[in-house]
């Protein structure tokens, strides 16, 4: 959500940059995932089976592949909880500083390496990289860790109960400026630790479903008798309920070292009346998984395409606990986490040969007119796209709040299955609605910098970039 009027300026009209890592595909390259019995099939070529295990609200899909060699993974978790009271991000009406910590915030990192190529995925318990903060934070990581720009997915989970990021000493609160300056070093530390811990590993993937998120574009009647779209709850509209899970197990181990998951919802169960620091739904889900599985498990959590998706219960004033009440934020975070756990328990890992290719660019999309004073330079608005291939898995990182229909379109059109769409990634360009949404109006459309059709162009470009990774 928009923080200040200038929060999106840094993504408008930058030059287009394209970075990619290229490699000829290996003849023995395989992408399916599944049972340990695949080890017996080594050298037999492209061999695939499908195993399935029903999980609550979904189906965990497990695919089998002939075992290869070469993949290494590492993980890390860094505490990024503010030590001073800070301005919390996400709601302009919230003006006081934070008043305590409900649950601690983390940056979670998983790194992959094969054949000299790397892929680093970072999930940060924060709203997003507004106020020109994406560039400096990414640069701190890139310089400290010697990775390529296209190899880094720096993502926020979009909790509205974390510190506002800013480096503006004139307009930002001093505590927030200090927090943001220190954050770059902490993120770099997390990535360094993950890269230092690279060891051989096996992967598996699965898919489930959760009812936590719901389309928030509710149709209501205004005082003038006309219908309008408001932020609320609209179960009749499209909602992508898929929970995508990637499981990493170190050879010889039985418990997962990493459980990465992506799910599309705003983490806005807590509203402007809340002044406690919290990871909200995504953050609490990750914490539950790390406690449930124990050990050194790291559970990087990501917000899928959810520009028009909110939690079923939204904008609560805080954590209600009186008379035995279980806070809705905790309930929904736990419900999501338990679906991830059920899916994970049905995944049998065996993929050890997962060639890596990555690419990223800044895409110029058509911008909405800004009035009669607009210059010719205001005809486009920028969006960062980062794509990666990890064997047969694909990741698409989008630097904005993309409507869920657009995310589903990318997944359906991608040449890789599964494809995980991760938003608030490497940028903060704001809302990207679908073309039909503009005639309906609503908060997201009014806030968007993009003209009708921009979202559909984004889908086309993301799919094109994915095809170039084949």
Protein backbone atom coordinates (compact mmCIF):
# COMPACT_ATOMS: atom_id res chain seq x y z
CA UNK A 1 0.00 0.00 0.00
CA UNK A 2 1.11 3.53 -0.68
CA UNK A 3 3.13 5.14 2.08
CA UNK A 4 3.70 8.72 0.96
CA UNK A 5 2.96 10.53 -2.26
CA UNK A 6 6.52 10.10 -3.49
CA UNK A 7 6.80 6.43 -2.54
CA UNK A 8 6.61 5.18 -6.12
CA UNK A 9 8.66 7.88 -7.82
CA UNK A 10 11.90 5.95 -7.84
CA UNK A 11 10.41 3.28 -10.12
CA UNK A 12 9.09 5.68 -12.71
CA UNK A 13 10.95 5.94 -15.99
CA UNK A 14 14.30 4.31 -15.19
CA UNK A 15 16.31 2.98 -18.14
CA UNK A 16 15.57 -0.59 -19.10
CA UNK A 17 18.20 -3.08 -17.94
CA UNK A 18 18.27 -6.78 -18.78
CA UNK A 19 20.59 -9.20 -17.01
CA UNK A 20 20.68 -12.93 -17.59
CA UNK A 21 22.81 -15.95 -16.88
CA UNK A 22 23.03 -18.25 -19.85
CA UNK A 23 23.97 -21.94 -20.02
CA UNK A 24 23.44 -24.68 -22.56
CA UNK A 25 21.00 -27.23 -21.11
CA UNK A 26 22.53 -30.49 -19.95
CA UNK A 27 21.45 -33.61 -21.87
CA UNK A 28 20.53 -35.39 -18.63
CA UNK A 29 18.53 -32.44 -17.29
CA UNK A 30 15.43 -33.57 -15.42
CA UNK A 31 12.75 -31.60 -13.62
CA UNK A 32 10.27 -33.93 -11.99
CA UNK A 33 10.26 -34.55 -8.27
CA UNK A 34 9.21 -37.30 -5.94
CA UNK A 35 9.95 -40.65 -4.36
CA UNK A 36 13.35 -41.84 -3.16
CA UNK A 37 12.77 -44.89 -5.36
CA UNK A 38 13.91 -42.65 -8.22
CA UNK A 39 17.46 -43.36 -7.13
CA UNK A 40 17.14 -46.85 -8.58
CA UNK A 41 16.32 -45.32 -11.94
CA UNK A 42 19.59 -43.38 -12.27
CA UNK A 43 20.80 -43.36 -15.85
CA UNK A 44 17.47 -44.45 -17.31
CA UNK A 45 16.73 -41.08 -18.96
CA UNK A 46 13.65 -38.97 -18.41
CA UNK A 47 11.57 -41.13 -16.10
CA UNK A 48 8.51 -39.79 -14.44
CA UNK A 49 5.74 -41.03 -12.18
CA UNK A 50 3.09 -39.26 -10.27
CA UNK A 51 2.34 -39.93 -6.65
CA UNK A 52 -0.38 -38.13 -4.82
CA UNK A 53 -1.43 -37.65 -1.24
CA UNK A 54 -4.60 -35.86 -0.30
CA UNK A 55 -4.15 -33.06 2.18
CA UNK A 56 -6.78 -30.87 3.81
CA UNK A 57 -7.94 -28.31 1.24
CA UNK A 58 -5.58 -29.61 -1.40
CA UNK A 59 -3.51 -32.19 -3.15
CA UNK A 60 0.22 -32.56 -2.63
CA UNK A 61 1.72 -33.40 -5.97
CA UNK A 62 4.87 -35.50 -6.00
CA UNK A 63 6.71 -36.26 -9.23
CA UNK A 64 9.63 -38.62 -9.75
CA UNK A 65 12.94 -38.06 -11.53
CA UNK A 66 16.10 -39.91 -12.37
CA UNK A 67 18.69 -38.81 -9.88
CA UNK A 68 21.45 -36.46 -11.01
CA UNK A 69 24.25 -34.72 -9.18
CA UNK A 70 25.36 -31.23 -8.39
CA UNK A 71 22.70 -29.23 -6.52
CA UNK A 72 23.68 -27.61 -3.22
CA UNK A 73 21.49 -25.55 -0.93
CA UNK A 74 22.01 -23.41 2.16
CA UNK A 75 19.67 -21.52 4.43
CA UNK A 76 19.70 -18.86 7.12
CA UNK A 77 17.35 -16.88 9.33
CA UNK A 78 18.24 -13.44 10.71
CA UNK A 79 16.29 -11.54 13.36
CA UNK A 80 15.26 -8.09 12.07
CA UNK A 81 12.93 -7.03 14.90
CA UNK A 82 13.24 -3.30 15.65
CA UNK A 83 14.87 -2.56 18.99
CA UNK A 84 13.42 0.98 19.13
CA UNK A 85 9.81 2.16 18.66
CA UNK A 86 9.24 2.83 14.96
CA UNK A 87 6.61 4.07 12.53
CA UNK A 88 4.77 1.00 11.29
CA UNK A 89 4.17 0.78 7.55
CA UNK A 90 0.97 0.30 5.61
CA UNK A 91 -1.63 2.73 6.94
CA UNK A 92 -1.32 6.49 6.58
CA UNK A 93 -3.84 7.03 9.39
CA UNK A 94 -1.49 5.38 11.89
CA UNK A 95 0.77 8.15 13.15
CA UNK A 96 2.12 7.02 16.54
CA UNK A 97 5.17 4.85 17.04
CA UNK A 98 4.96 1.11 17.68
CA UNK A 99 4.12 -0.08 21.17
CA UNK A 100 5.83 -3.40 21.72
CA UNK A 101 6.39 -6.64 19.83
CA UNK A 102 3.80 -9.40 19.47
CA UNK A 103 6.07 -11.67 17.44
CA UNK A 104 9.60 -11.14 16.20
CA UNK A 105 10.44 -10.36 12.59
CA UNK A 106 12.89 -12.29 10.43
CA UNK A 107 14.65 -12.33 7.12
CA UNK A 108 14.73 -15.87 5.79
CA UNK A 109 17.16 -16.95 3.08
CA UNK A 110 17.52 -20.04 0.93
CA UNK A 111 20.37 -20.27 -1.57
CA UNK A 112 20.80 -22.75 -4.41
CA UNK A 113 23.95 -23.46 -6.40
CA UNK A 114 24.76 -25.75 -9.30
CA UNK A 115 27.39 -25.58 -12.05
CA UNK A 116 28.61 -22.23 -10.77
CA UNK A 117 25.15 -20.64 -11.02
CA UNK A 118 23.33 -19.35 -7.96
CA UNK A 119 19.79 -18.46 -6.98
CA UNK A 120 19.13 -16.63 -3.72
CA UNK A 121 15.58 -16.17 -2.40
CA UNK A 122 15.06 -13.80 0.53
CA UNK A 123 11.76 -13.29 2.35
CA UNK A 124 11.67 -10.24 4.60
CA UNK A 125 9.00 -9.64 7.24
CA UNK A 126 8.14 -6.16 6.02
CA UNK A 127 5.58 -4.25 3.97
CA UNK A 128 7.84 -3.70 0.97
CA UNK A 129 10.65 -1.65 -0.49
CA UNK A 130 9.00 1.74 -0.78
CA UNK A 131 10.76 5.10 -0.48
CA UNK A 132 13.67 4.19 -2.78
CA UNK A 133 14.89 1.39 -0.52
CA UNK A 134 15.02 -1.56 -2.92
CA UNK A 135 18.17 -0.40 -4.72
CA UNK A 136 20.33 0.28 -1.63
CA UNK A 137 19.27 -2.94 0.11
CA UNK A 138 19.89 -5.06 -2.98
CA UNK A 139 23.24 -3.38 -3.54
CA UNK A 140 24.32 -4.15 0.02
CA UNK A 141 23.65 -7.83 -0.63
CA UNK A 142 25.18 -7.95 -4.11
CA UNK A 143 28.40 -6.26 -3.04
CA UNK A 144 28.85 -8.36 0.09
CA UNK A 145 27.99 -11.72 -1.48
CA UNK A 146 29.34 -11.52 -5.06
CA UNK A 147 26.15 -12.67 -6.73
CA UNK A 148 24.66 -11.41 -9.97
CA UNK A 149 21.65 -9.02 -9.92
CA UNK A 150 19.44 -11.58 -11.63
CA UNK A 151 20.32 -14.22 -9.02
CA UNK A 152 18.72 -12.28 -6.15
CA UNK A 153 15.00 -12.32 -5.30
CA UNK A 154 14.62 -9.81 -2.45
CA UNK A 155 10.97 -10.10 -1.42
CA UNK A 156 8.76 -8.66 1.31
CA UNK A 157 5.77 -10.51 2.76
CA UNK A 158 3.66 -7.31 2.91
CA UNK A 159 2.88 -7.33 6.60
CA UNK A 160 1.38 -3.99 7.67
CA UNK A 161 2.83 -4.30 11.18
CA UNK A 162 6.55 -3.89 10.48
CA UNK A 163 8.81 -0.83 10.30
CA UNK A 164 8.39 1.64 7.46
CA UNK A 165 11.58 1.49 5.41
CA UNK A 166 13.16 4.85 4.59
CA UNK A 167 16.57 6.43 4.16
CA UNK A 168 15.15 9.94 3.93
CA UNK A 169 16.60 11.77 6.93
CA UNK A 170 14.48 14.87 6.19
CA UNK A 171 11.08 13.14 6.13
CA UNK A 172 11.59 9.79 7.86
CA UNK A 173 11.57 9.19 11.59
CA UNK A 174 15.16 8.82 12.88
CA UNK A 175 14.42 5.37 14.31
CA UNK A 176 13.14 4.17 10.95
CA UNK A 177 16.14 5.60 9.10
CA UNK A 178 18.51 3.88 11.53
CA UNK A 179 16.57 0.63 11.18
CA UNK A 180 16.73 0.73 7.38
CA UNK A 181 20.46 1.50 7.36
CA UNK A 182 21.16 -1.45 9.64
CA UNK A 183 18.85 -3.72 7.63
CA UNK A 184 21.16 -3.79 4.61
CA UNK A 185 23.96 -5.28 6.68
CA UNK A 186 21.63 -7.82 8.28
CA UNK A 187 20.30 -8.96 4.92
CA UNK A 188 23.83 -9.32 3.58
CA UNK A 189 24.75 -11.30 6.68
CA UNK A 190 21.83 -13.68 6.09
CA UNK A 191 22.77 -14.29 2.47
CA UNK A 192 26.45 -14.82 3.39
CA UNK A 193 25.46 -17.38 6.00
CA UNK A 194 23.21 -19.25 3.56
CA UNK A 195 25.96 -19.34 0.92
CA UNK A 196 28.52 -20.50 3.50
CA UNK A 197 26.24 -23.42 4.44
CA UNK A 198 25.80 -24.83 0.93
CA UNK A 199 25.63 -28.62 1.06
CA UNK A 200 24.25 -31.31 -1.27
CA UNK A 201 20.47 -31.50 -1.05
CA UNK A 202 17.33 -33.05 -2.48
CA UNK A 203 14.23 -31.12 -3.55
CA UNK A 204 10.56 -31.85 -3.87
CA UNK A 205 7.50 -29.75 -4.62
CA UNK A 206 3.83 -29.92 -3.74
CA UNK A 207 0.62 -27.95 -4.00
CA UNK A 208 -2.28 -27.44 -1.63
CA UNK A 209 -5.10 -24.97 -1.06
CA UNK A 210 -6.14 -22.63 1.73
CA UNK A 211 -9.29 -20.59 2.43
CA UNK A 212 -7.42 -17.87 4.35
CA UNK A 213 -7.47 -15.36 1.48
CA UNK A 214 -10.55 -13.95 -0.23
CA UNK A 215 -11.14 -11.43 -3.00
CA UNK A 216 -11.54 -8.08 -1.28
CA UNK A 217 -13.24 -6.10 -4.10
CA UNK A 218 -16.70 -5.99 -2.55
CA UNK A 219 -19.52 -4.39 -4.53
CA UNK A 220 -21.48 -1.97 -2.34
CA UNK A 221 -24.16 0.68 -2.85
CA UNK A 222 -23.11 4.27 -2.29
CA UNK A 223 -25.19 7.05 -0.74
CA UNK A 224 -26.05 8.17 -4.26
CA UNK A 225 -27.63 4.77 -4.98
CA UNK A 226 -24.88 3.74 -7.39
CA UNK A 227 -22.78 0.64 -6.93
CA UNK A 228 -19.09 0.92 -6.27
CA UNK A 229 -16.16 -1.32 -5.34
CA UNK A 230 -14.91 -1.07 -1.74
CA UNK A 231 -12.38 -2.99 0.31
CA UNK A 232 -14.25 -5.80 2.00
CA UNK A 233 -15.04 -9.43 1.24
CA UNK A 234 -16.32 -10.82 -2.06
CA UNK A 235 -16.25 -14.65 -2.14
CA UNK A 236 -17.97 -14.69 -5.53
CA UNK A 237 -14.92 -13.27 -7.28
CA UNK A 238 -11.82 -15.14 -8.40
CA UNK A 239 -9.36 -16.01 -5.65
CA UNK A 240 -6.21 -18.05 -6.20
CA UNK A 241 -6.19 -20.34 -3.16
CA UNK A 242 -3.14 -22.39 -4.17
CA UNK A 243 -0.43 -22.98 -1.58
CA UNK A 244 2.84 -23.84 -3.30
CA UNK A 245 5.51 -25.63 -1.27
CA UNK A 246 9.15 -26.45 -1.96
CA UNK A 247 10.85 -28.87 0.41
CA UNK A 248 14.61 -29.26 0.85
CA UNK A 249 16.10 -32.26 2.62
CA UNK A 250 19.80 -32.87 3.10
CA UNK A 251 20.88 -36.37 1.96
CA UNK A 252 20.69 -38.83 4.80
CA UNK A 253 18.25 -36.63 6.67
CA UNK A 254 14.58 -37.28 7.31
CA UNK A 255 13.35 -33.85 8.37
CA UNK A 256 13.24 -30.85 6.03
CA UNK A 257 15.98 -28.24 6.20
CA UNK A 258 13.84 -25.74 4.26
CA UNK A 259 10.11 -25.39 3.70
CA UNK A 260 9.54 -22.55 1.26
CA UNK A 261 5.94 -21.60 0.56
CA UNK A 262 4.02 -19.02 -1.42
CA UNK A 263 0.42 -17.97 -0.85
CA UNK A 264 -1.53 -15.04 -2.22
CA UNK A 265 -2.98 -12.71 0.38
CA UNK A 266 -2.25 -9.32 1.86
CA UNK A 267 -0.94 -9.72 5.38
CA UNK A 268 -3.50 -7.22 6.63
CA UNK A 269 -5.43 -9.09 9.26
CA UNK A 270 -4.14 -6.32 11.56
CA UNK A 271 -5.34 -2.81 10.80
CA UNK A 272 -4.32 0.76 11.60
CA UNK A 273 -5.46 0.39 15.21
CA UNK A 274 -2.69 -2.14 15.85
CA UNK A 275 0.61 -0.78 17.16
CA UNK A 276 2.35 -4.07 17.92
CA UNK A 277 5.10 -5.36 15.66
CA UNK A 278 4.06 -8.58 13.90
CA UNK A 279 4.69 -10.65 10.80
CA UNK A 280 0.90 -11.02 10.51
CA UNK A 281 -0.39 -14.06 8.61
CA UNK A 282 2.66 -14.93 6.52
CA UNK A 283 5.11 -14.31 9.33
CA UNK A 284 3.10 -16.26 11.91
CA UNK A 285 2.74 -19.15 9.47
CA UNK A 286 6.51 -19.33 9.02
CA UNK A 287 7.04 -19.20 12.79
CA UNK A 288 4.56 -22.02 13.34
CA UNK A 289 6.35 -24.25 10.81
CA UNK A 290 9.76 -23.57 12.35
CA UNK A 291 8.44 -24.48 15.79
CA UNK A 292 6.47 -27.51 14.59
CA UNK A 293 9.29 -29.14 12.66
CA UNK A 294 11.95 -27.91 15.07
CA UNK A 295 15.66 -28.19 14.60
CA UNK A 296 17.21 -25.62 12.31
CA UNK A 297 14.34 -25.57 9.82
CA UNK A 298 13.95 -22.30 7.90
CA UNK A 299 10.56 -21.54 6.35
CA UNK A 300 10.88 -18.68 3.85
CA UNK A 301 7.39 -17.31 3.22
CA UNK A 302 6.29 -15.35 0.16
CA UNK A 303 3.23 -13.38 -0.87
CA UNK A 304 1.78 -14.63 -4.15
CA UNK A 305 -0.15 -12.41 -6.56
CA UNK A 306 -2.64 -10.81 -4.19
CA UNK A 307 -3.24 -7.19 -5.09
CA UNK A 308 -6.97 -7.84 -4.78
CA UNK A 309 -6.83 -10.48 -2.02
CA UNK A 310 -7.17 -9.89 1.73
CA UNK A 311 -7.43 -12.29 4.68
CA UNK A 312 -10.94 -13.52 5.46
CA UNK A 313 -10.81 -11.41 8.63
CA UNK A 314 -9.08 -8.09 7.98
CA UNK A 315 -7.85 -4.84 9.58
CA UNK A 316 -8.35 -5.88 13.20
CA UNK A 317 -7.38 -3.34 15.88
CA UNK A 318 -5.11 -5.82 17.61
CA UNK A 319 -4.78 -9.29 19.12
CA UNK A 320 -7.97 -10.06 21.00
CA UNK A 321 -7.37 -12.56 23.82
CA UNK A 322 -10.00 -11.96 26.50
CA UNK A 323 -12.16 -14.80 27.84
CA UNK A 324 -10.20 -17.43 25.94
CA UNK A 325 -10.56 -15.79 22.54
CA UNK A 326 -7.93 -16.97 20.04
CA UNK A 327 -6.81 -14.01 17.89
CA UNK A 328 -7.97 -14.32 14.31
CA UNK A 329 -4.51 -13.40 13.05
CA UNK A 330 -3.05 -16.37 14.90
CA UNK A 331 -5.84 -18.67 13.71
CA UNK A 332 -5.39 -17.76 10.05
CA UNK A 333 -1.60 -17.94 10.23
CA UNK A 334 -1.85 -21.36 11.84
CA UNK A 335 -4.42 -22.57 9.29
CA UNK A 336 -2.11 -21.59 6.44
CA UNK A 337 0.91 -23.15 8.15
CA UNK A 338 -0.85 -26.44 8.78
CA UNK A 339 -1.73 -26.70 5.10
CA UNK A 340 1.92 -26.14 4.24
CA UNK A 341 2.89 -28.84 6.74
CA UNK A 342 0.33 -31.32 5.35
CA UNK A 343 1.56 -30.74 1.81
CA UNK A 344 5.19 -31.04 2.92
CA UNK A 345 4.55 -34.33 4.66
CA UNK A 346 3.27 -35.73 1.36
CA UNK A 347 6.34 -34.65 -0.62
CA UNK A 348 9.06 -37.26 -1.15
CA UNK A 349 12.25 -35.51 -2.21
CA UNK A 350 14.71 -36.84 -4.79
CA UNK A 351 15.67 -34.05 -7.20
CA UNK A 352 19.41 -33.43 -6.97
CA UNK A 353 20.14 -32.16 -10.48
CA UNK A 354 18.49 -28.77 -10.99
CA UNK A 355 20.27 -26.50 -13.47
CA UNK A 356 19.87 -22.80 -12.66
CA UNK A 357 19.20 -19.96 -15.05
CA UNK A 358 18.10 -16.45 -14.13
CA UNK A 359 17.15 -13.15 -15.79
CA UNK A 360 15.76 -9.78 -14.80
CA UNK A 361 14.69 -6.54 -16.41
CA UNK A 362 12.90 -3.29 -15.74
CA UNK A 363 9.82 -3.22 -17.93
CA UNK A 364 8.20 0.03 -19.09
CA UNK A 365 4.42 -0.36 -18.97
CA UNK A 366 1.84 2.20 -20.11
CA UNK A 367 1.14 4.75 -17.39
CA UNK A 368 -2.12 6.38 -16.42
CA UNK A 369 -2.43 10.04 -17.49
CA UNK A 370 -1.53 12.42 -14.68
CA UNK A 371 -3.49 15.43 -15.85
CA UNK A 372 -2.99 18.28 -18.28
CA UNK A 373 0.44 19.11 -16.88
CA UNK A 374 1.80 15.64 -17.61
CA UNK A 375 4.92 15.53 -19.79
CA UNK A 376 5.75 13.06 -22.52
CA UNK A 377 8.10 11.36 -20.04
CA UNK A 378 5.09 10.30 -17.97
CA UNK A 379 3.70 7.90 -20.57
CA UNK A 380 5.27 4.83 -18.97
CA UNK A 381 5.60 3.38 -15.48
CA UNK A 382 8.25 0.85 -14.52
CA UNK A 383 7.97 -2.66 -13.13
CA UNK A 384 10.83 -4.99 -12.22
CA UNK A 385 10.56 -8.62 -13.35
CA UNK A 386 12.95 -11.31 -12.13
CA UNK A 387 12.69 -14.89 -13.38
CA UNK A 388 14.58 -18.03 -12.48
CA UNK A 389 14.66 -21.67 -13.38
CA UNK A 390 15.65 -24.31 -10.82
CA UNK A 391 15.50 -27.48 -12.87
CA UNK A 392 11.82 -27.72 -13.76
CA UNK A 393 10.65 -25.26 -11.13
CA UNK A 394 10.30 -21.59 -12.06
CA UNK A 395 10.11 -18.44 -9.96
CA UNK A 396 8.71 -15.12 -11.15
CA UNK A 397 9.44 -12.10 -8.98
CA UNK A 398 7.25 -9.05 -9.57
CA UNK A 399 8.02 -5.67 -8.03
CA UNK A 400 4.47 -4.68 -7.17
CA UNK A 401 0.99 -5.68 -6.00
CA UNK A 402 -0.37 -7.76 -8.85
CA UNK A 403 -4.00 -8.90 -9.08
CA UNK A 404 -4.43 -12.61 -8.50
CA UNK A 405 -5.87 -13.25 -11.98
CA UNK A 406 -2.61 -11.99 -13.49
CA UNK A 407 -0.57 -14.30 -11.29
CA UNK A 408 -2.73 -17.26 -12.27
CA UNK A 409 -2.30 -16.38 -15.93
CA UNK A 410 1.48 -16.49 -15.54
CA UNK A 411 1.34 -19.86 -13.83
CA UNK A 412 -0.98 -21.33 -16.45
CA UNK A 413 1.04 -20.03 -19.41
CA UNK A 414 4.48 -20.82 -17.99
CA UNK A 415 6.48 -23.61 -19.67
CA UNK A 416 7.54 -24.71 -16.17
CA UNK A 417 5.30 -26.48 -13.70
CA UNK A 418 5.21 -25.49 -10.99
CA UNK A 419 5.82 -21.76 -11.36
CA UNK A 420 5.83 -19.73 -8.15
CA UNK A 421 4.84 -16.07 -8.52
CA UNK A 422 6.44 -13.96 -5.77
CA UNK A 423 5.38 -10.34 -5.38
CA UNK A 424 6.90 -7.30 -3.61
CA UNK A 425 10.13 -8.53 -5.17
CA UNK A 426 13.08 -6.29 -6.05
CA UNK A 427 10.87 -3.19 -6.18
CA UNK A 428 7.64 -1.51 -5.14
CA UNK A 429 5.69 -0.23 -8.13
CA UNK A 430 2.26 -0.40 -6.50
CA UNK A 431 -0.94 -1.98 -7.75
CA UNK A 432 -1.26 -3.73 -11.11
CA UNK A 433 -4.98 -4.38 -11.78
CA UNK A 434 -6.56 -6.37 -14.60
CA UNK A 435 -7.97 -4.47 -17.56
CA UNK A 436 -11.67 -5.07 -16.62
CA UNK A 437 -11.04 -3.67 -13.13
CA UNK A 438 -10.53 -0.12 -14.38
CA UNK A 439 -14.16 0.35 -15.37
CA UNK A 440 -15.22 -0.86 -11.91
CA UNK A 441 -12.93 1.50 -10.01
CA UNK A 442 -11.97 0.90 -6.41
CA UNK A 443 -8.95 1.62 -4.22
CA UNK A 444 -6.45 -0.45 -6.20
CA UNK A 445 -7.39 1.17 -9.52
CA UNK A 446 -7.31 4.67 -8.04
CA UNK A 447 -3.88 4.01 -6.54
CA UNK A 448 -2.32 2.38 -9.60
CA UNK A 449 0.29 4.12 -11.76
CA UNK A 450 -0.47 1.79 -14.67
CA UNK A 451 -2.90 2.24 -17.54
CA UNK A 452 -5.46 -0.42 -18.53
CA UNK A 453 -3.71 -3.30 -20.26
CA UNK A 454 -0.47 -2.87 -18.32
CA UNK A 455 -1.12 -5.98 -16.26
CA UNK A 456 -1.75 -8.08 -19.34
CA UNK A 457 1.50 -6.82 -20.89
CA UNK A 458 3.27 -7.79 -17.68
CA UNK A 459 1.97 -11.35 -18.01
CA UNK A 460 3.12 -11.57 -21.62
CA UNK A 461 6.61 -10.36 -20.77
CA UNK A 462 6.97 -12.66 -17.78
CA UNK A 463 5.97 -15.68 -19.86
CA UNK A 464 8.33 -14.63 -22.67
CA UNK A 465 11.22 -14.38 -20.21
CA UNK A 466 10.37 -17.80 -18.79
CA UNK A 467 10.42 -19.36 -22.24
CA UNK A 468 13.89 -17.95 -22.82
CA UNK A 469 15.09 -19.94 -19.80
CA UNK A 470 14.15 -23.26 -21.42
